[in-house]
Amino acid sequence: MDNNTDVWQQYYQKALNRPHSARTELAVNLNTSGLQVAVDCGCGTGSDIAFLSAHGYQVHGFDVNSDSVSLCRERFAGDAQVSISQAAFEDFAYPRCGVMIAHSSLFFADPARFAATWQAMASSLAAGGVFSGDFMGMDDSWATGYRTATAPMTRQQVTDLFAGFDIIQLHERNEQGITALGRTKQWHIFSVVAVKRS
């Protein structure tokens, strides 16, 4: 991604004013783990971090992109509830948590290491904890030939990930749409909110 610094900087400028996701609110409302610890995987400009911190969560945000990390470190410099790391999905040390957010980010996890990465993520969620995130479908324009490796999945592969969870929402989007930078592409995304069983 560092080879596309200008693209990411444009994206972050547009994303700065984006509100937190409604699914982050849902995750907080569904969390019965007793843990007010959250992880934001691929935290971007930090809109979900701001919401989680405001609701009393200790938030661990990470992103592979240095611009995102710098922006979030500056944004949350005075917030003792928030820690920001530069890391990839595969390398982050996931703390025990009650909420895990991975909105529009798992697309870029290393497909060769995805199984182990998902195991680390899922096992760090406490019973009663909530995962909210997005997975790339096979029809997405970025599923093949994108500038960096992506991790596209079938609907069955996505649902198989949640064998130990109760799926609250599973929304599939498969349509032409506009990117944050105004370009047209085919979006094929599975958005999941799920509660981990004990």
C-alpha atoms as a PDB file:
ATOM      1  CA  MET A   1       0.000   0.000   0.000  1.00  0.00           C
ATOM      2  CA  ASP A   2       2.906   2.369   0.594  1.00  0.00           C
ATOM      3  CA  ASN A   3       3.437   2.499  -3.193  1.00  0.00           C
ATOM      4  CA  ASN A   4       0.032   4.160  -3.418  1.00  0.00           C
ATOM      5  CA  THR A   5       0.561   6.828  -0.763  1.00  0.00           C
ATOM      6  CA  ASP A   6      -1.282   9.550  -2.701  1.00  0.00           C
ATOM      7  CA  VAL A   7      -4.342   7.355  -3.173  1.00  0.00           C
ATOM      8  CA  TRP A   8      -4.519   6.523   0.531  1.00  0.00           C
ATOM      9  CA  GLN A   9      -3.997  10.159   1.558  1.00  0.00           C
ATOM     10  CA  GLN A  10      -6.903  11.184  -0.682  1.00  0.00           C
ATOM     11  CA  TYR A  11      -9.014   8.427   0.837  1.00  0.00           C
ATOM     12  CA  TYR A  12      -8.215   9.453   4.410  1.00  0.00           C
ATOM     13  CA  GLN A  13      -9.002  13.103   3.695  1.00  0.00           C
ATOM     14  CA  LYS A  14     -12.442  12.075   2.452  1.00  0.00           C
ATOM     15  CA  ALA A  15     -12.924   9.600   5.317  1.00  0.00           C
ATOM     16  CA  LEU A  16     -12.041  12.063   8.089  1.00  0.00           C
ATOM     17  CA  ASN A  17     -15.565  13.422   8.295  1.00  0.00           C
ATOM     18  CA  ARG A  18     -17.235  10.021   8.125  1.00  0.00           C
ATOM     19  CA  PRO A  19     -19.410   9.195  11.156  1.00  0.00           C
ATOM     20  CA  HIS A  20     -19.000   5.943  13.056  1.00  0.00           C
ATOM     21  CA  SER A  21     -20.755   2.869  11.690  1.00  0.00           C
ATOM     22  CA  ALA A  22     -24.245   1.990  12.900  1.00  0.00           C
ATOM     23  CA  ARG A  23     -22.910  -1.565  13.210  1.00  0.00           C
ATOM     24  CA  THR A  24     -20.411  -0.365  15.813  1.00  0.00           C
ATOM     25  CA  GLU A  25     -23.326   0.891  17.898  1.00  0.00           C
ATOM     26  CA  LEU A  26     -25.059  -2.459  17.431  1.00  0.00           C
ATOM     27  CA  ALA A  27     -21.920  -4.318  18.527  1.00  0.00           C
ATOM     28  CA  VAL A  28     -21.705  -2.239  21.712  1.00  0.00           C
ATOM     29  CA  ASN A  29     -25.392  -2.872  22.448  1.00  0.00           C
ATOM     30  CA  LEU A  30     -25.007  -6.634  21.902  1.00  0.00           C
ATOM     31  CA  ASN A  31     -21.822  -7.052  23.954  1.00  0.00           C
ATOM     32  CA  THR A  32     -22.582  -9.123  27.064  1.00  0.00           C
ATOM     33  CA  SER A  33     -18.992 -10.230  27.706  1.00  0.00           C
ATOM     34  CA  GLY A  34     -18.470  -7.807  30.576  1.00  0.00           C
ATOM     35  CA  LEU A  35     -15.311  -6.567  28.829  1.00  0.00           C
ATOM     36  CA  GLN A  36     -15.229  -2.930  27.765  1.00  0.00           C
ATOM     37  CA  VAL A  37     -12.219  -3.539  25.565  1.00  0.00           C
ATOM     38  CA  ALA A  38     -12.463  -3.103  21.779  1.00  0.00           C
ATOM     39  CA  VAL A  39     -10.154  -3.725  18.836  1.00  0.00           C
ATOM     40  CA  ASP A  40     -10.526  -1.752  15.606  1.00  0.00           C
ATOM     41  CA  CYS A  41      -8.749  -3.706  12.862  1.00  0.00           C
ATOM     42  CA  GLY A  42      -7.696  -1.437  10.007  1.00  0.00           C
ATOM     43  CA  CYS A  43      -8.830   1.615  11.955  1.00  0.00           C
ATOM     44  CA  GLY A  44      -8.458   4.155   9.117  1.00  0.00           C
ATOM     45  CA  THR A  45      -9.251   7.650  10.349  1.00  0.00           C
ATOM     46  CA  GLY A  46     -10.658   6.453  13.661  1.00  0.00           C
ATOM     47  CA  SER A  47     -14.387   7.233  13.455  1.00  0.00           C
ATOM     48  CA  ASP A  48     -15.320   3.979  15.226  1.00  0.00           C
ATOM     49  CA  ILE A  49     -12.538   4.477  17.780  1.00  0.00           C
ATOM     50  CA  ALA A  50     -14.006   7.860  18.749  1.00  0.00           C
ATOM     51  CA  PHE A  51     -17.441   6.313  19.321  1.00  0.00           C
ATOM     52  CA  LEU A  52     -16.082   3.359  21.311  1.00  0.00           C
ATOM     53  CA  SER A  53     -13.900   5.536  23.519  1.00  0.00           C
ATOM     54  CA  ALA A  54     -16.815   7.887  24.189  1.00  0.00           C
ATOM     55  CA  HIS A  55     -18.760   4.851  25.423  1.00  0.00           C
ATOM     56  CA  GLY A  56     -16.124   3.912  27.969  1.00  0.00           C
ATOM     57  CA  TYR A  57     -14.190   1.351  25.949  1.00  0.00           C
ATOM     58  CA  GLN A  58     -10.457   0.865  26.084  1.00  0.00           C
ATOM     59  CA  VAL A  59      -9.720   0.799  22.347  1.00  0.00           C
ATOM     60  CA  HIS A  60      -6.810  -0.812  20.538  1.00  0.00           C
ATOM     61  CA  GLY A  61      -6.698   0.447  16.956  1.00  0.00           C
ATOM     62  CA  PHE A  62      -4.250  -0.685  14.319  1.00  0.00           C
ATOM     63  CA  ASP A  63      -3.634  -0.123  10.644  1.00  0.00           C
ATOM     64  CA  VAL A  64      -0.903  -1.149   8.222  1.00  0.00           C
ATOM     65  CA  ASN A  65      -0.852   2.310   6.652  1.00  0.00           C
ATOM     66  CA  SER A  66       1.487   4.836   8.276  1.00  0.00           C
ATOM     67  CA  ASP A  67      -0.673   7.835   7.277  1.00  0.00           C
ATOM     68  CA  SER A  68      -3.656   6.324   9.075  1.00  0.00           C
ATOM     69  CA  VAL A  69      -1.578   5.570  12.163  1.00  0.00           C
ATOM     70  CA  SER A  70      -0.134   9.111  12.277  1.00  0.00           C
ATOM     71  CA  LEU A  71      -3.565  10.641  11.826  1.00  0.00           C
ATOM     72  CA  CYS A  72      -5.121   8.528  14.609  1.00  0.00           C
ATOM     73  CA  ARG A  73      -2.207   9.080  16.987  1.00  0.00           C
ATOM     74  CA  GLU A  74      -2.661  12.819  16.535  1.00  0.00           C
ATOM     75  CA  ARG A  75      -6.454  12.620  16.771  1.00  0.00           C
ATOM     76  CA  PHE A  76      -6.424  10.596  20.013  1.00  0.00           C
ATOM     77  CA  ALA A  77      -3.232  11.999  21.556  1.00  0.00           C
ATOM     78  CA  GLY A  78      -5.078  13.162  24.680  1.00  0.00           C
ATOM     79  CA  ASP A  79      -7.224  10.040  25.123  1.00  0.00           C
ATOM     80  CA  ALA A  80      -5.767   7.568  27.626  1.00  0.00           C
ATOM     81  CA  GLN A  81      -8.428   5.019  26.591  1.00  0.00           C
ATOM     82  CA  VAL A  82      -6.970   4.675  23.080  1.00  0.00           C
ATOM     83  CA  SER A  83      -3.782   3.000  21.854  1.00  0.00           C
ATOM     84  CA  ILE A  84      -2.824   3.034  18.167  1.00  0.00           C
ATOM     85  CA  SER A  85      -0.365   0.624  16.526  1.00  0.00           C
ATOM     86  CA  GLN A  86       1.041   0.216  13.052  1.00  0.00           C
ATOM     87  CA  ALA A  87       0.568  -3.465  12.265  1.00  0.00           C
ATOM     88  CA  ALA A  88      -0.859  -5.921   9.766  1.00  0.00           C
ATOM     89  CA  PHE A  89      -3.672  -8.328  10.631  1.00  0.00           C
ATOM     90  CA  GLU A  90      -1.161 -11.159  10.687  1.00  0.00           C
ATOM     91  CA  ASP A  91       1.191  -9.515  13.198  1.00  0.00           C
ATOM     92  CA  PHE A  92      -1.060  -7.688  15.655  1.00  0.00           C
ATOM     93  CA  ALA A  93      -1.159  -9.069  19.214  1.00  0.00           C
ATOM     94  CA  TYR A  94      -4.925  -9.238  19.769  1.00  0.00           C
ATOM     95  CA  PRO A  95      -5.915  -8.516  23.383  1.00  0.00           C
ATOM     96  CA  ARG A  96      -8.877 -10.178  25.100  1.00  0.00           C
ATOM     97  CA  CYS A  97     -11.827  -8.060  24.023  1.00  0.00           C
ATOM     98  CA  GLY A  98     -15.593  -7.674  24.052  1.00  0.00           C
ATOM     99  CA  VAL A  99     -15.933  -5.914  20.682  1.00  0.00           C
ATOM    100  CA  MET A 100     -13.939  -6.397  17.496  1.00  0.00           C
ATOM    101  CA  ILE A 101     -14.467  -4.139  14.479  1.00  0.00           C
ATOM    102  CA  ALA A 102     -13.076  -4.911  11.014  1.00  0.00           C
ATOM    103  CA  HIS A 103     -15.043  -2.685   8.652  1.00  0.00           C
ATOM    104  CA  SER A 104     -13.820  -2.605   5.027  1.00  0.00           C
ATOM    105  CA  SER A 105     -10.392  -3.860   6.068  1.00  0.00           C
ATOM    106  CA  LEU A 106     -10.209  -7.665   6.085  1.00  0.00           C
ATOM    107  CA  PHE A 107     -10.263  -7.524   2.281  1.00  0.00           C
ATOM    108  CA  PHE A 108      -6.542  -6.791   2.514  1.00  0.00           C
ATOM    109  CA  ALA A 109      -5.507  -9.517   4.963  1.00  0.00           C
ATOM    110  CA  ASP A 110      -2.853 -11.878   3.551  1.00  0.00           C
ATOM    111  CA  PRO A 111      -4.902 -14.657   1.892  1.00  0.00           C
ATOM    112  CA  ALA A 112      -2.092 -17.170   2.456  1.00  0.00           C
ATOM    113  CA  ARG A 113      -2.279 -16.581   6.222  1.00  0.00           C
ATOM    114  CA  PHE A 114      -5.965 -15.827   6.571  1.00  0.00           C
ATOM    115  CA  ALA A 115      -6.950 -18.996   8.468  1.00  0.00           C
ATOM    116  CA  ALA A 116      -4.362 -18.413  11.201  1.00  0.00           C
ATOM    117  CA  THR A 117      -5.181 -14.693  11.323  1.00  0.00           C
ATOM    118  CA  TRP A 118      -8.895 -15.350  11.752  1.00  0.00           C
ATOM    119  CA  GLN A 119      -8.173 -17.918  14.467  1.00  0.00           C
ATOM    120  CA  ALA A 120      -6.165 -15.319  16.396  1.00  0.00           C
ATOM    121  CA  MET A 121      -8.921 -12.750  15.989  1.00  0.00           C
ATOM    122  CA  ALA A 122     -11.822 -15.021  16.916  1.00  0.00           C
ATOM    123  CA  SER A 123     -10.058 -16.560  19.912  1.00  0.00           C
ATOM    124  CA  SER A 124      -9.324 -13.126  21.388  1.00  0.00           C
ATOM    125  CA  LEU A 125     -13.051 -12.340  21.596  1.00  0.00           C
ATOM    126  CA  ALA A 126     -14.532 -13.256  24.977  1.00  0.00           C
ATOM    127  CA  ALA A 127     -17.774 -15.246  25.197  1.00  0.00           C
ATOM    128  CA  GLY A 128     -20.644 -12.807  24.680  1.00  0.00           C
ATOM    129  CA  GLY A 129     -18.320 -10.536  22.713  1.00  0.00           C
ATOM    130  CA  VAL A 130     -19.264  -9.190  19.301  1.00  0.00           C
ATOM    131  CA  PHE A 131     -17.540  -9.173  15.922  1.00  0.00           C
ATOM    132  CA  SER A 132     -18.603  -6.659  13.270  1.00  0.00           C
ATOM    133  CA  GLY A 133     -16.809  -6.667   9.954  1.00  0.00           C
ATOM    134  CA  ASP A 134     -16.767  -7.079   6.194  1.00  0.00           C
ATOM    135  CA  PHE A 135     -15.466  -9.798   3.900  1.00  0.00           C
ATOM    136  CA  MET A 136     -14.818  -9.497   0.175  1.00  0.00           C
ATOM    137  CA  GLY A 137     -16.904 -11.669  -2.142  1.00  0.00           C
ATOM    138  CA  MET A 138     -15.665 -13.445  -5.253  1.00  0.00           C
ATOM    139  CA  ASP A 139     -17.422 -11.055  -7.681  1.00  0.00           C
ATOM    140  CA  ASP A 140     -15.701  -7.928  -6.341  1.00  0.00           C
ATOM    141  CA  SER A 141     -13.579  -5.964  -8.847  1.00  0.00           C
ATOM    142  CA  TRP A 142     -10.675  -6.197  -6.399  1.00  0.00           C
ATOM    143  CA  ALA A 143     -10.939  -9.981  -5.933  1.00  0.00           C
ATOM    144  CA  THR A 144      -8.357 -10.569  -8.665  1.00  0.00           C
ATOM    145  CA  GLY A 145      -5.629  -8.406 -10.149  1.00  0.00           C
ATOM    146  CA  TYR A 146      -5.787  -5.687  -7.503  1.00  0.00           C
ATOM    147  CA  ARG A 147      -2.588  -3.744  -6.734  1.00  0.00           C
ATOM    148  CA  THR A 148      -2.166  -5.723  -3.509  1.00  0.00           C
ATOM    149  CA  ALA A 149      -3.248  -9.241  -2.538  1.00  0.00           C
ATOM    150  CA  THR A 150      -6.865  -9.549  -1.382  1.00  0.00           C
ATOM    151  CA  ALA A 151      -8.769 -12.290   0.437  1.00  0.00           C
ATOM    152  CA  PRO A 152     -12.060 -12.905  -1.430  1.00  0.00           C
ATOM    153  CA  MET A 153     -14.445 -15.547  -0.047  1.00  0.00           C
ATOM    154  CA  THR A 154     -17.673 -17.333  -0.923  1.00  0.00           C
ATOM    155  CA  ARG A 155     -20.776 -16.891   1.240  1.00  0.00           C
ATOM    156  CA  GLN A 156     -20.272 -20.427   2.571  1.00  0.00           C
ATOM    157  CA  GLN A 157     -16.656 -19.690   3.503  1.00  0.00           C
ATOM    158  CA  VAL A 158     -17.778 -16.597   5.383  1.00  0.00           C
ATOM    159  CA  THR A 159     -20.498 -18.404   7.326  1.00  0.00           C
ATOM    160  CA  ASP A 160     -18.074 -21.242   8.130  1.00  0.00           C
ATOM    161  CA  LEU A 161     -15.880 -18.722   9.967  1.00  0.00           C
ATOM    162  CA  PHE A 162     -18.691 -18.188  12.476  1.00  0.00           C
ATOM    163  CA  ALA A 163     -19.250 -21.776  13.613  1.00  0.00           C
ATOM    164  CA  GLY A 164     -18.815 -20.695  17.244  1.00  0.00           C
ATOM    165  CA  PHE A 165     -20.973 -17.574  16.918  1.00  0.00           C
ATOM    166  CA  ASP A 166     -24.606 -16.578  16.607  1.00  0.00           C
ATOM    167  CA  ILE A 167     -24.878 -14.509  13.427  1.00  0.00           C
ATOM    168  CA  ILE A 168     -27.110 -11.496  14.093  1.00  0.00           C
ATOM    169  CA  GLN A 169     -26.735  -9.877  10.672  1.00  0.00           C
ATOM    170  CA  LEU A 170     -25.349 -11.134   7.366  1.00  0.00           C
ATOM    171  CA  HIS A 171     -25.839  -8.664   4.547  1.00  0.00           C
ATOM    172  CA  GLU A 172     -24.582  -9.334   1.023  1.00  0.00           C
ATOM    173  CA  ARG A 173     -23.959  -6.447  -1.350  1.00  0.00           C
ATOM    174  CA  ASN A 174     -23.223  -7.320  -4.992  1.00  0.00           C
ATOM    175  CA  GLU A 175     -23.619  -4.307  -7.234  1.00  0.00           C
ATOM    176  CA  GLN A 176     -21.852  -1.545  -9.128  1.00  0.00           C
ATOM    177  CA  GLY A 177     -20.992   1.388  -6.927  1.00  0.00           C
ATOM    178  CA  ILE A 178     -18.651   4.303  -6.355  1.00  0.00           C
ATOM    179  CA  THR A 179     -15.460   4.186  -4.295  1.00  0.00           C
ATOM    180  CA  ALA A 180     -14.563   6.909  -1.759  1.00  0.00           C
ATOM    181  CA  LEU A 181     -12.447   8.477  -4.504  1.00  0.00           C
ATOM    182  CA  GLY A 182     -15.311   8.590  -6.996  1.00  0.00           C
ATOM    183  CA  ARG A 183     -14.410   5.600  -9.154  1.00  0.00           C
ATOM    184  CA  THR A 184     -16.877   2.942 -10.294  1.00  0.00           C
ATOM    185  CA  LYS A 185     -16.316  -0.686  -9.330  1.00  0.00           C
ATOM    186  CA  GLN A 186     -18.210  -3.889  -8.635  1.00  0.00           C
ATOM    187  CA  TRP A 187     -18.749  -4.219  -4.898  1.00  0.00           C
ATOM    188  CA  HIS A 188     -19.261  -7.725  -3.547  1.00  0.00           C
ATOM    189  CA  ILE A 189     -19.179  -7.607   0.244  1.00  0.00           C
ATOM    190  CA  PHE A 190     -20.497  -9.729   3.080  1.00  0.00           C
ATOM    191  CA  SER A 191     -21.118  -7.622   6.201  1.00  0.00           C
ATOM    192  CA  VAL A 192     -21.432  -9.660   9.380  1.00  0.00           C
ATOM    193  CA  VAL A 193     -22.371  -8.919  12.987  1.00  0.00           C
ATOM    194  CA  ALA A 194     -22.039 -11.960  15.222  1.00  0.00           C
ATOM    195  CA  VAL A 195     -21.967 -12.776  18.932  1.00  0.00           C
ATOM    196  CA  LYS A 196     -19.478 -15.345  20.238  1.00  0.00           C
ATOM    197  CA  ARG A 197     -21.061 -18.238  22.093  1.00  0.00           C
ATOM    198  CA  SER A 198     -19.684 -19.468  25.417  1.00  0.00           C
END
